[in-house]
Amino acid sequence: LRLLFGGWGSNTHTKVPFPKRCRSLHRLSTMTDFPKTLVIGTICYGILAAIGLALVMGGRITGKLSSDNAGIGSVVVVIATFSMWLFWVSAWMHQWHPLIMPVYEG
C-alpha cells in the first residue's frame, strides 16, 4: 500500500536534489499524499460495512430475513456506514487543518 499511496503524507521526506523540471512535480506529490490515519480509518469503516452486510446475508441464508427485508437491511447498512464515515472524516479533517487557531491568554 505504501507504493500505492506514495508515502502517506509523512513530513519526513529525504532531501534528495531534484532536477529543476521535476521540483514542481515533487512539491505536488507531497501535497497530495494521503495521511495514514485517513487510510486506516477508511479501511476500518469498510470492514465494518462488510461485517454488517455479512450479518444481513447470514440472516437471509438462515431464513430469518425475507428477501425484501434483506434488501432493506443491506441498504440500511451501506447508508449508515457511509454516513458514519462521512461524519468521522469531516471531524478528522477539521482537526487536521483548523481554520481558527485557539488564542491562549494567561
N, C-alpha and C. Protein backbone atom coordinates (compact mmCIF):
# COMPACT_ATOMS: atom_id res chain seq x y z
N LEU A 1 0.81 -1.20 0.00
CA LEU A 1 0.00 0.00 0.00
C LEU A 1 0.85 1.25 0.00
N ARG A 2 2.04 1.18 0.56
CA ARG A 2 2.90 2.36 0.60
C ARG A 2 3.23 2.82 -0.82
N LEU A 3 3.43 1.89 -1.72
CA LEU A 3 3.71 2.28 -3.10
C LEU A 3 2.49 2.90 -3.76
N LEU A 4 1.31 2.40 -3.40
CA LEU A 4 0.08 2.90 -3.99
C LEU A 4 -0.21 4.32 -3.54
N PHE A 5 -0.01 4.62 -2.25
CA PHE A 5 -0.35 5.93 -1.73
C PHE A 5 0.85 6.87 -1.63
N GLY A 6 2.02 6.42 -1.97
CA GLY A 6 3.17 7.30 -2.08
C GLY A 6 3.67 7.92 -0.80
N GLY A 7 3.75 7.18 0.29
CA GLY A 7 4.36 7.69 1.49
C GLY A 7 3.39 8.14 2.55
N TRP A 8 2.12 8.28 2.25
CA TRP A 8 1.07 8.56 3.22
C TRP A 8 1.25 9.85 3.97
N GLY A 9 1.74 10.89 3.36
CA GLY A 9 1.73 12.19 3.97
C GLY A 9 2.75 12.43 5.07
N SER A 10 3.78 11.64 5.14
CA SER A 10 4.76 11.88 6.18
C SER A 10 5.55 13.14 5.85
N ASN A 11 5.89 13.90 6.88
CA ASN A 11 6.62 15.14 6.68
C ASN A 11 8.12 14.94 6.73
N THR A 12 8.56 13.72 6.87
CA THR A 12 9.98 13.44 6.97
C THR A 12 10.48 12.92 5.63
N HIS A 13 10.46 13.77 4.63
CA HIS A 13 10.96 13.37 3.31
C HIS A 13 12.47 13.55 3.29
N THR A 14 13.13 12.66 2.58
CA THR A 14 14.56 12.80 2.46
C THR A 14 14.87 13.94 1.51
N LYS A 15 15.94 14.64 1.78
CA LYS A 15 16.33 15.78 0.96
C LYS A 15 17.17 15.28 -0.21
N VAL A 16 16.49 14.95 -1.29
CA VAL A 16 17.16 14.49 -2.49
C VAL A 16 17.09 15.61 -3.51
N PRO A 17 18.22 16.01 -4.07
CA PRO A 17 18.16 17.09 -5.06
C PRO A 17 17.43 16.63 -6.31
N PHE A 18 16.45 17.42 -6.72
CA PHE A 18 15.67 17.11 -7.91
C PHE A 18 16.08 18.04 -9.04
N PRO A 19 16.04 17.56 -10.27
CA PRO A 19 16.26 18.48 -11.39
C PRO A 19 15.18 19.57 -11.39
N LYS A 20 15.46 20.71 -12.00
CA LYS A 20 14.53 21.83 -11.98
C LYS A 20 13.17 21.47 -12.54
N ARG A 21 13.13 20.70 -13.59
CA ARG A 21 11.84 20.37 -14.21
C ARG A 21 11.00 19.43 -13.34
N CYS A 22 11.60 18.72 -12.38
CA CYS A 22 10.88 17.78 -11.53
C CYS A 22 10.51 18.37 -10.17
N ARG A 23 11.03 19.53 -9.80
CA ARG A 23 10.77 20.08 -8.47
C ARG A 23 9.29 20.39 -8.26
N SER A 24 8.65 20.96 -9.26
CA SER A 24 7.22 21.28 -9.09
C SER A 24 6.40 19.99 -8.99
N LEU A 25 6.78 18.95 -9.72
CA LEU A 25 6.08 17.68 -9.65
C LEU A 25 6.27 17.05 -8.26
N HIS A 26 7.48 17.16 -7.70
CA HIS A 26 7.73 16.62 -6.35
C HIS A 26 6.91 17.39 -5.31
N ARG A 27 6.83 18.72 -5.44
CA ARG A 27 6.06 19.52 -4.50
C ARG A 27 4.58 19.14 -4.58
N LEU A 28 4.07 18.89 -5.79
CA LEU A 28 2.67 18.49 -5.96
C LEU A 28 2.43 17.12 -5.35
N SER A 29 3.37 16.19 -5.51
CA SER A 29 3.17 14.84 -4.98
C SER A 29 3.19 14.83 -3.46
N THR A 30 3.97 15.69 -2.81
CA THR A 30 3.97 15.70 -1.35
C THR A 30 2.72 16.38 -0.81
N MET A 31 2.07 17.26 -1.58
CA MET A 31 0.85 17.90 -1.12
C MET A 31 -0.36 16.99 -1.25
N THR A 32 -0.30 16.00 -2.12
CA THR A 32 -1.46 15.15 -2.37
C THR A 32 -1.36 13.77 -1.71
N ASP A 33 -0.39 13.56 -0.83
CA ASP A 33 -0.27 12.28 -0.14
C ASP A 33 -1.43 12.08 0.83
N PHE A 34 -1.85 10.85 1.00
CA PHE A 34 -2.93 10.53 1.92
C PHE A 34 -2.35 10.32 3.32
N PRO A 35 -2.94 10.92 4.34
CA PRO A 35 -2.48 10.66 5.71
C PRO A 35 -2.81 9.23 6.13
N LYS A 36 -1.93 8.65 6.94
CA LYS A 36 -2.13 7.26 7.39
C LYS A 36 -3.44 7.08 8.13
N THR A 37 -3.76 8.04 8.99
CA THR A 37 -4.97 7.91 9.81
C THR A 37 -6.21 7.86 8.94
N LEU A 38 -6.24 8.65 7.89
CA LEU A 38 -7.39 8.67 6.99
C LEU A 38 -7.55 7.33 6.26
N VAL A 39 -6.45 6.77 5.82
CA VAL A 39 -6.49 5.49 5.10
C VAL A 39 -6.91 4.36 6.05
N ILE A 40 -6.31 4.33 7.24
CA ILE A 40 -6.63 3.27 8.20
C ILE A 40 -8.08 3.37 8.66
N GLY A 41 -8.56 4.58 8.92
CA GLY A 41 -9.96 4.77 9.33
C GLY A 41 -10.93 4.35 8.25
N THR A 42 -10.60 4.67 7.00
CA THR A 42 -11.46 4.28 5.88
C THR A 42 -11.51 2.77 5.74
N ILE A 43 -10.37 2.12 5.93
CA ILE A 43 -10.34 0.65 5.87
C ILE A 43 -11.18 0.06 7.00
N CYS A 44 -11.10 0.66 8.20
CA CYS A 44 -11.90 0.16 9.33
C CYS A 44 -13.39 0.29 9.05
N TYR A 45 -13.82 1.41 8.47
CA TYR A 45 -15.23 1.57 8.13
C TYR A 45 -15.65 0.61 7.01
N GLY A 46 -14.74 0.30 6.10
CA GLY A 46 -15.03 -0.69 5.07
C GLY A 46 -15.23 -2.08 5.67
N ILE A 47 -14.39 -2.41 6.66
CA ILE A 47 -14.54 -3.68 7.37
C ILE A 47 -15.86 -3.73 8.13
N LEU A 48 -16.21 -2.61 8.77
CA LEU A 48 -17.48 -2.52 9.48
C LEU A 48 -18.67 -2.74 8.54
N ALA A 49 -18.60 -2.16 7.35
CA ALA A 49 -19.67 -2.35 6.36
C ALA A 49 -19.73 -3.82 5.90
N ALA A 50 -18.56 -4.43 5.70
CA ALA A 50 -18.54 -5.82 5.26
C ALA A 50 -19.13 -6.74 6.33
N ILE A 51 -18.84 -6.46 7.60
CA ILE A 51 -19.41 -7.27 8.69
C ILE A 51 -20.92 -7.11 8.73
N GLY A 52 -21.40 -5.87 8.60
CA GLY A 52 -22.85 -5.64 8.59
C GLY A 52 -23.54 -6.33 7.44
N LEU A 53 -22.94 -6.25 6.25
CA LEU A 53 -23.53 -6.93 5.09
C LEU A 53 -23.50 -8.44 5.25
N ALA A 54 -22.42 -8.97 5.87
CA ALA A 54 -22.35 -10.41 6.11
C ALA A 54 -23.43 -10.86 7.09
N LEU A 55 -23.71 -10.04 8.10
CA LEU A 55 -24.78 -10.38 9.04
C LEU A 55 -26.14 -10.38 8.36
N VAL A 56 -26.37 -9.41 7.49
CA VAL A 56 -27.65 -9.35 6.77
C VAL A 56 -27.78 -10.56 5.84
N MET A 57 -26.71 -10.87 5.12
CA MET A 57 -26.78 -12.02 4.21
C MET A 57 -26.89 -13.34 4.99
N GLY A 58 -26.26 -13.39 6.17
CA GLY A 58 -26.40 -14.57 7.02
C GLY A 58 -27.83 -14.74 7.49
N GLY A 59 -28.49 -13.63 7.82
CA GLY A 59 -29.91 -13.70 8.19
C GLY A 59 -30.77 -14.14 7.02
N ARG A 60 -30.40 -13.76 5.82
CA ARG A 60 -31.16 -14.18 4.63
C ARG A 60 -30.95 -15.67 4.36
N ILE A 61 -29.73 -16.13 4.50
CA ILE A 61 -29.43 -17.54 4.21
C ILE A 61 -30.11 -18.46 5.22
N THR A 62 -30.10 -18.05 6.49
CA THR A 62 -30.72 -18.89 7.52
C THR A 62 -32.25 -18.83 7.50
N GLY A 63 -32.80 -17.90 6.77
CA GLY A 63 -34.25 -17.80 6.66
C GLY A 63 -34.89 -16.88 7.69
N LYS A 64 -34.10 -16.21 8.50
CA LYS A 64 -34.66 -15.30 9.49
C LYS A 64 -35.11 -13.98 8.87
N LEU A 65 -34.59 -13.67 7.68
CA LEU A 65 -35.00 -12.46 6.95
C LEU A 65 -35.55 -12.86 5.59
N SER A 66 -36.62 -12.21 5.19
CA SER A 66 -37.12 -12.43 3.83
C SER A 66 -36.22 -11.68 2.85
N SER A 67 -36.38 -11.94 1.58
CA SER A 67 -35.53 -11.28 0.59
C SER A 67 -35.76 -9.77 0.59
N ASP A 68 -37.01 -9.34 0.80
CA ASP A 68 -37.29 -7.91 0.87
C ASP A 68 -36.60 -7.27 2.08
N ASN A 69 -36.71 -7.92 3.24
CA ASN A 69 -36.07 -7.39 4.44
C ASN A 69 -34.55 -7.40 4.33
N ALA A 70 -34.00 -8.41 3.68
CA ALA A 70 -32.56 -8.47 3.49
C ALA A 70 -32.10 -7.34 2.57
N GLY A 71 -32.87 -7.05 1.54
CA GLY A 71 -32.53 -5.92 0.66
C GLY A 71 -32.56 -4.60 1.39
N ILE A 72 -33.60 -4.40 2.21
CA ILE A 72 -33.69 -3.18 3.00
C ILE A 72 -32.54 -3.12 4.00
N GLY A 73 -32.23 -4.24 4.63
CA GLY A 73 -31.11 -4.28 5.59
C GLY A 73 -29.79 -3.95 4.94
N SER A 74 -29.58 -4.43 3.72
CA SER A 74 -28.34 -4.12 3.01
C SER A 74 -28.21 -2.63 2.72
N VAL A 75 -29.31 -2.02 2.29
CA VAL A 75 -29.29 -0.58 2.01
C VAL A 75 -29.05 0.21 3.30
N VAL A 76 -29.69 -0.21 4.39
CA VAL A 76 -29.51 0.48 5.67
C VAL A 76 -28.07 0.38 6.14
N VAL A 77 -27.46 -0.78 6.01
CA VAL A 77 -26.07 -0.96 6.44
C VAL A 77 -25.14 -0.07 5.63
N VAL A 78 -25.32 -0.03 4.32
CA VAL A 78 -24.45 0.78 3.46
C VAL A 78 -24.62 2.26 3.76
N ILE A 79 -25.86 2.73 3.85
CA ILE A 79 -26.10 4.15 4.11
C ILE A 79 -25.62 4.55 5.50
N ALA A 80 -25.85 3.71 6.50
CA ALA A 80 -25.41 4.02 7.86
C ALA A 80 -23.89 4.06 7.95
N THR A 81 -23.22 3.10 7.32
CA THR A 81 -21.76 3.08 7.37
C THR A 81 -21.18 4.29 6.64
N PHE A 82 -21.73 4.63 5.48
CA PHE A 82 -21.24 5.79 4.75
C PHE A 82 -21.47 7.07 5.55
N SER A 83 -22.62 7.19 6.19
CA SER A 83 -22.91 8.39 6.99
C SER A 83 -21.96 8.51 8.17
N MET A 84 -21.69 7.40 8.86
CA MET A 84 -20.75 7.43 9.98
C MET A 84 -19.34 7.78 9.50
N TRP A 85 -18.94 7.21 8.36
CA TRP A 85 -17.62 7.50 7.81
C TRP A 85 -17.52 8.97 7.42
N LEU A 86 -18.55 9.51 6.80
CA LEU A 86 -18.53 10.91 6.39
C LEU A 86 -18.45 11.84 7.59
N PHE A 87 -19.18 11.54 8.65
CA PHE A 87 -19.11 12.33 9.88
C PHE A 87 -17.71 12.26 10.48
N TRP A 88 -17.13 11.06 10.54
CA TRP A 88 -15.79 10.89 11.09
C TRP A 88 -14.76 11.64 10.26
N VAL A 89 -14.84 11.52 8.94
CA VAL A 89 -13.89 12.20 8.06
C VAL A 89 -14.00 13.72 8.21
N SER A 90 -15.20 14.23 8.31
CA SER A 90 -15.39 15.67 8.48
C SER A 90 -14.77 16.14 9.79
N ALA A 91 -15.03 15.43 10.88
CA ALA A 91 -14.47 15.80 12.17
C ALA A 91 -12.94 15.69 12.16
N TRP A 92 -12.41 14.64 11.53
CA TRP A 92 -10.97 14.45 11.48
C TRP A 92 -10.29 15.54 10.66
N MET A 93 -10.87 15.89 9.52
CA MET A 93 -10.25 16.92 8.67
C MET A 93 -10.32 18.30 9.32
N HIS A 94 -11.39 18.57 10.06
CA HIS A 94 -11.48 19.86 10.73
C HIS A 94 -10.42 19.98 11.82
N GLN A 95 -10.03 18.88 12.42
CA GLN A 95 -9.00 18.92 13.44
C GLN A 95 -7.60 18.85 12.83
N TRP A 96 -7.50 18.34 11.62
CA TRP A 96 -6.20 18.19 10.96
C TRP A 96 -5.64 19.55 10.54
N HIS A 97 -6.45 20.38 9.91
CA HIS A 97 -6.07 21.73 9.50
C HIS A 97 -7.14 22.71 9.98
N PRO A 98 -7.08 23.13 11.23
CA PRO A 98 -8.11 24.03 11.73
C PRO A 98 -8.05 25.40 11.06
N LEU A 99 -9.20 25.99 10.81
CA LEU A 99 -9.27 27.32 10.19
C LEU A 99 -9.03 28.41 11.23
N ILE A 100 -9.49 28.19 12.44
CA ILE A 100 -9.34 29.17 13.51
C ILE A 100 -8.49 28.54 14.61
N MET A 101 -7.38 29.16 14.91
CA MET A 101 -6.49 28.63 15.97
C MET A 101 -6.92 29.23 17.31
N PRO A 102 -6.88 28.44 18.37
CA PRO A 102 -7.22 28.99 19.69
C PRO A 102 -6.17 29.98 20.17
N VAL A 103 -6.63 31.02 20.85
CA VAL A 103 -5.72 32.02 21.42
C VAL A 103 -5.73 31.83 22.93
N TYR A 104 -4.57 31.52 23.48
CA TYR A 104 -4.46 31.27 24.91
C TYR A 104 -4.06 32.57 25.62
N GLU A 105 -4.80 32.93 26.62
CA GLU A 105 -4.47 34.11 27.42
C GLU A 105 -4.05 33.63 28.80
N GLY A 106 -2.93 34.10 29.23
CA GLY A 106 -2.51 33.63 30.54
C GLY A 106 -1.31 34.31 31.09
